[in-house]
Amino acid sequence: MPKIIGGSLEQHREQTRRRVFEALTSLLAERSFDALTMADLASEAGIGRTVIYNHFADKDAVVVAFASEETDRYLARLADALEPATDPADAMRIYVREHLSSSEEFHFGFGPELYAMLSRESLAQIREHVMAVEAVLRTIIDDGRATGDFAVDDVESTMSLVHTTLQNRRVAAGAVEVFVMRALGAG
């Protein structure tokens, strides 16, 4: 009988998945996705090669599950942070700060190189998670337009520009926040 990690089967599953996710991020820092094998992931995670298949069908499934978990954790954290927002401008400032401050904890996208190697089905599943984060931003922008806090004509382009701005790690967080607020016409 295989060794169970943790006090219960549920804890075992969670810890095994966490170890595989840590292995994924560690190995992707060293090499490309196409150079990884399930055996590499299992070895790095400290689990047997056959054990990994009890949790994931293939590498794509690992990436999708990881993205799903990351998005769920991020959305929960974001919802908590946004709860005390007093108006759409305040919510946008919180959104920007939260996104920037959590970039070390969360892996916001693996990049086009990895996405180019995923199946269409996997990409569609990951897109669902991206859309969940976009829905939060869309609500903030729509609310700001409704109250007159934001002068935005094209919501889709504005969302894309905000998220692109949030990806730049070489600009100080305060400067990013000021830039986004000015771009929205919020001053």
Protein backbone atom coordinates (compact mmCIF):
# COMPACT_ATOMS: atom_id res chain seq x y z
CA MET A 1 0.00 0.00 0.00
CA PRO A 2 1.35 3.47 -0.93
CA LYS A 3 2.46 5.81 1.82
CA ILE A 4 -0.15 8.44 2.69
CA ILE A 5 1.16 11.98 3.25
CA GLY A 6 -0.82 13.87 5.91
CA GLY A 7 -3.46 12.73 8.34
CA SER A 8 -6.19 11.85 5.86
CA LEU A 9 -6.68 10.91 2.23
CA GLU A 10 -7.93 14.44 1.54
CA GLN A 11 -4.78 15.94 3.07
CA HIS A 12 -2.69 13.46 1.09
CA ARG A 13 -4.32 14.54 -2.18
CA GLU A 14 -3.91 18.23 -1.38
CA GLN A 15 -0.26 17.87 -0.36
CA THR A 16 0.54 15.75 -3.41
CA ARG A 17 -1.06 18.31 -5.72
CA ARG A 18 0.79 21.15 -3.95
CA ARG A 19 4.10 19.32 -4.39
CA VAL A 20 3.41 18.79 -8.10
CA PHE A 21 2.51 22.48 -8.52
CA GLU A 22 5.72 23.51 -6.76
CA ALA A 23 7.64 21.12 -8.99
CA LEU A 24 5.99 22.64 -12.06
CA THR A 25 6.96 26.21 -11.18
CA SER A 26 10.47 25.14 -10.17
CA LEU A 27 11.09 23.17 -13.36
CA LEU A 28 9.61 25.86 -15.61
CA ALA A 29 12.15 28.28 -14.16
CA GLU A 30 14.87 25.94 -15.43
CA ARG A 31 13.56 24.66 -18.75
CA SER A 32 10.77 24.90 -21.28
CA PHE A 33 7.42 23.16 -20.93
CA ASP A 34 8.04 20.90 -23.90
CA ALA A 35 11.24 19.65 -22.23
CA LEU A 36 9.31 18.54 -19.13
CA THR A 37 7.91 15.07 -18.67
CA MET A 38 5.46 13.73 -16.16
CA ALA A 39 8.37 11.69 -14.77
CA ASP A 40 10.33 14.94 -14.25
CA LEU A 41 7.39 16.45 -12.37
CA ALA A 42 6.97 13.34 -10.23
CA SER A 43 10.67 13.19 -9.41
CA GLU A 44 10.86 16.89 -8.52
CA ALA A 45 7.72 16.52 -6.37
CA GLY A 46 9.18 13.49 -4.60
CA ILE A 47 6.40 11.13 -5.66
CA GLY A 48 6.35 8.00 -7.77
CA ARG A 49 5.95 8.21 -11.53
CA THR A 50 2.71 6.27 -11.44
CA VAL A 51 1.34 8.30 -8.50
CA ILE A 52 1.26 11.51 -10.52
CA TYR A 53 -1.17 9.89 -12.97
CA ASN A 54 -3.62 9.31 -10.11
CA HIS A 55 -3.92 13.10 -9.91
CA PHE A 56 -3.29 14.36 -13.45
CA ALA A 57 -3.80 12.82 -16.88
CA ASP A 58 -0.91 14.74 -18.48
CA LYS A 59 1.19 17.92 -18.32
CA ASP A 60 -1.65 20.02 -19.68
CA ALA A 61 -3.86 18.85 -16.82
CA VAL A 62 -1.20 19.90 -14.33
CA VAL A 63 -1.05 23.41 -15.82
CA VAL A 64 -4.85 23.75 -15.93
CA ALA A 65 -5.25 22.52 -12.34
CA PHE A 66 -2.49 24.85 -11.17
CA ALA A 67 -4.03 27.83 -12.99
CA SER A 68 -7.44 26.98 -11.53
CA GLU A 69 -6.14 26.81 -7.99
CA GLU A 70 -4.12 30.00 -8.36
CA THR A 71 -7.10 31.86 -9.78
CA ASP A 72 -9.46 30.66 -7.05
CA ARG A 73 -7.03 31.74 -4.32
CA TYR A 74 -6.42 35.09 -6.01
CA LEU A 75 -10.13 35.79 -6.48
CA ALA A 76 -10.85 34.98 -2.83
CA ARG A 77 -8.05 37.29 -1.70
CA LEU A 78 -9.22 40.00 -4.10
CA ALA A 79 -12.84 39.75 -2.90
CA ASP A 80 -11.68 40.20 0.70
CA ALA A 81 -9.54 43.19 -0.25
CA LEU A 82 -12.35 44.83 -2.24
CA GLU A 83 -14.98 44.40 0.47
CA PRO A 84 -14.29 47.74 2.22
CA ALA A 85 -14.16 49.75 -1.05
CA THR A 86 -16.23 52.90 -0.73
CA ASP A 87 -16.67 53.68 -4.44
CA PRO A 88 -15.44 52.48 -7.87
CA ALA A 89 -12.30 54.64 -7.73
CA ASP A 90 -11.40 53.15 -4.36
CA ALA A 91 -12.12 49.67 -5.72
CA MET A 92 -9.82 50.30 -8.70
CA ARG A 93 -7.01 51.49 -6.45
CA ILE A 94 -7.43 48.34 -4.34
CA TYR A 95 -7.55 46.17 -7.47
CA VAL A 96 -4.30 47.67 -8.78
CA ARG A 97 -2.52 47.45 -5.42
CA GLU A 98 -3.71 43.89 -4.82
CA HIS A 99 -2.62 42.74 -8.25
CA LEU A 100 0.81 44.31 -7.92
CA SER A 101 1.41 43.16 -4.35
CA SER A 102 0.36 39.59 -5.07
CA SER A 103 2.53 39.10 -8.15
CA GLU A 104 5.20 37.34 -6.11
CA GLU A 105 2.68 34.94 -4.56
CA PHE A 106 0.64 34.15 -7.66
CA HIS A 107 1.79 33.14 -11.13
CA PHE A 108 -0.24 35.36 -13.43
CA GLY A 109 0.17 33.50 -16.67
CA PHE A 110 3.04 31.36 -17.80
CA GLY A 111 3.64 33.24 -21.01
CA PRO A 112 2.95 32.72 -24.67
CA GLU A 113 5.62 30.06 -25.08
CA LEU A 114 3.88 27.67 -22.72
CA TYR A 115 0.39 28.52 -23.92
CA ALA A 116 1.43 27.76 -27.50
CA MET A 117 2.16 24.17 -26.42
CA LEU A 118 -1.15 23.48 -24.68
CA SER A 119 -4.09 21.78 -26.33
CA ARG A 120 -7.13 23.79 -27.41
CA GLU A 121 -9.14 22.25 -24.58
CA SER A 122 -6.55 23.24 -21.99
CA LEU A 123 -6.35 26.77 -23.36
CA ALA A 124 -10.15 27.06 -23.19
CA GLN A 125 -10.11 25.95 -19.56
CA ILE A 126 -7.40 28.46 -18.68
CA ARG A 127 -9.30 31.19 -20.53
CA GLU A 128 -12.25 30.57 -18.19
CA HIS A 129 -10.02 31.51 -15.25
CA VAL A 130 -8.75 34.62 -16.99
CA MET A 131 -12.35 35.63 -17.64
CA ALA A 132 -13.17 35.29 -13.92
CA VAL A 133 -10.48 37.86 -13.08
CA GLU A 134 -11.58 40.05 -15.98
CA ALA A 135 -15.13 39.98 -14.61
CA VAL A 136 -13.96 41.67 -11.42
CA LEU A 137 -12.21 44.42 -13.37
CA ARG A 138 -15.19 44.81 -15.71
CA THR A 139 -17.53 45.28 -12.75
CA ILE A 140 -15.29 47.96 -11.26
CA ILE A 141 -15.07 49.81 -14.59
CA ASP A 142 -18.81 49.47 -15.28
CA ASP A 143 -19.62 50.76 -11.80
CA GLY A 144 -17.23 53.67 -12.31
CA ARG A 145 -18.83 54.54 -15.62
CA ALA A 146 -22.30 54.39 -14.05
CA THR A 147 -21.33 56.73 -11.20
CA GLY A 148 -19.34 59.05 -13.47
CA ASP A 149 -16.10 58.28 -11.63
CA PHE A 150 -14.49 56.93 -14.81
CA ALA A 151 -14.46 58.45 -18.29
CA VAL A 152 -14.21 55.24 -20.31
CA ASP A 153 -15.68 54.72 -23.76
CA ASP A 154 -14.29 51.31 -24.69
CA VAL A 155 -14.45 48.92 -21.72
CA GLU A 156 -12.75 46.00 -23.49
CA SER A 157 -9.74 48.06 -24.57
CA THR A 158 -9.54 49.70 -21.15
CA MET A 159 -9.50 46.30 -19.44
CA SER A 160 -6.72 45.12 -21.73
CA LEU A 161 -4.69 48.26 -21.14
CA VAL A 162 -5.11 48.07 -17.36
CA HIS A 163 -3.99 44.44 -17.27
CA THR A 164 -1.06 45.18 -19.58
CA THR A 165 0.00 48.04 -17.32
CA LEU A 166 -0.15 45.73 -14.30
CA GLN A 167 2.29 43.30 -15.94
CA ASN A 168 5.20 45.76 -15.99
CA ARG A 169 7.43 44.93 -13.00
CA ARG A 170 9.97 47.70 -13.65
CA VAL A 171 7.65 50.54 -12.68
CA ALA A 172 6.95 51.50 -9.07
CA ALA A 173 3.54 50.40 -7.80
CA GLY A 174 2.56 53.95 -6.89
CA ALA A 175 3.32 55.17 -10.40
CA VAL A 176 1.24 52.35 -11.89
CA GLU A 177 -1.71 53.24 -9.65
CA VAL A 178 -1.52 56.94 -10.58
CA PHE A 179 -1.24 56.07 -14.27
CA VAL A 180 -4.25 53.72 -14.23
CA MET A 181 -6.41 56.20 -12.33
CA ARG A 182 -5.52 59.03 -14.72
CA ALA A 183 -6.16 56.80 -17.72
CA LEU A 184 -9.63 56.10 -16.35
CA GLY A 185 -10.24 59.81 -15.93
CA ALA A 186 -10.40 59.40 -12.16
CA GLY A 187 -7.45 61.69 -11.39
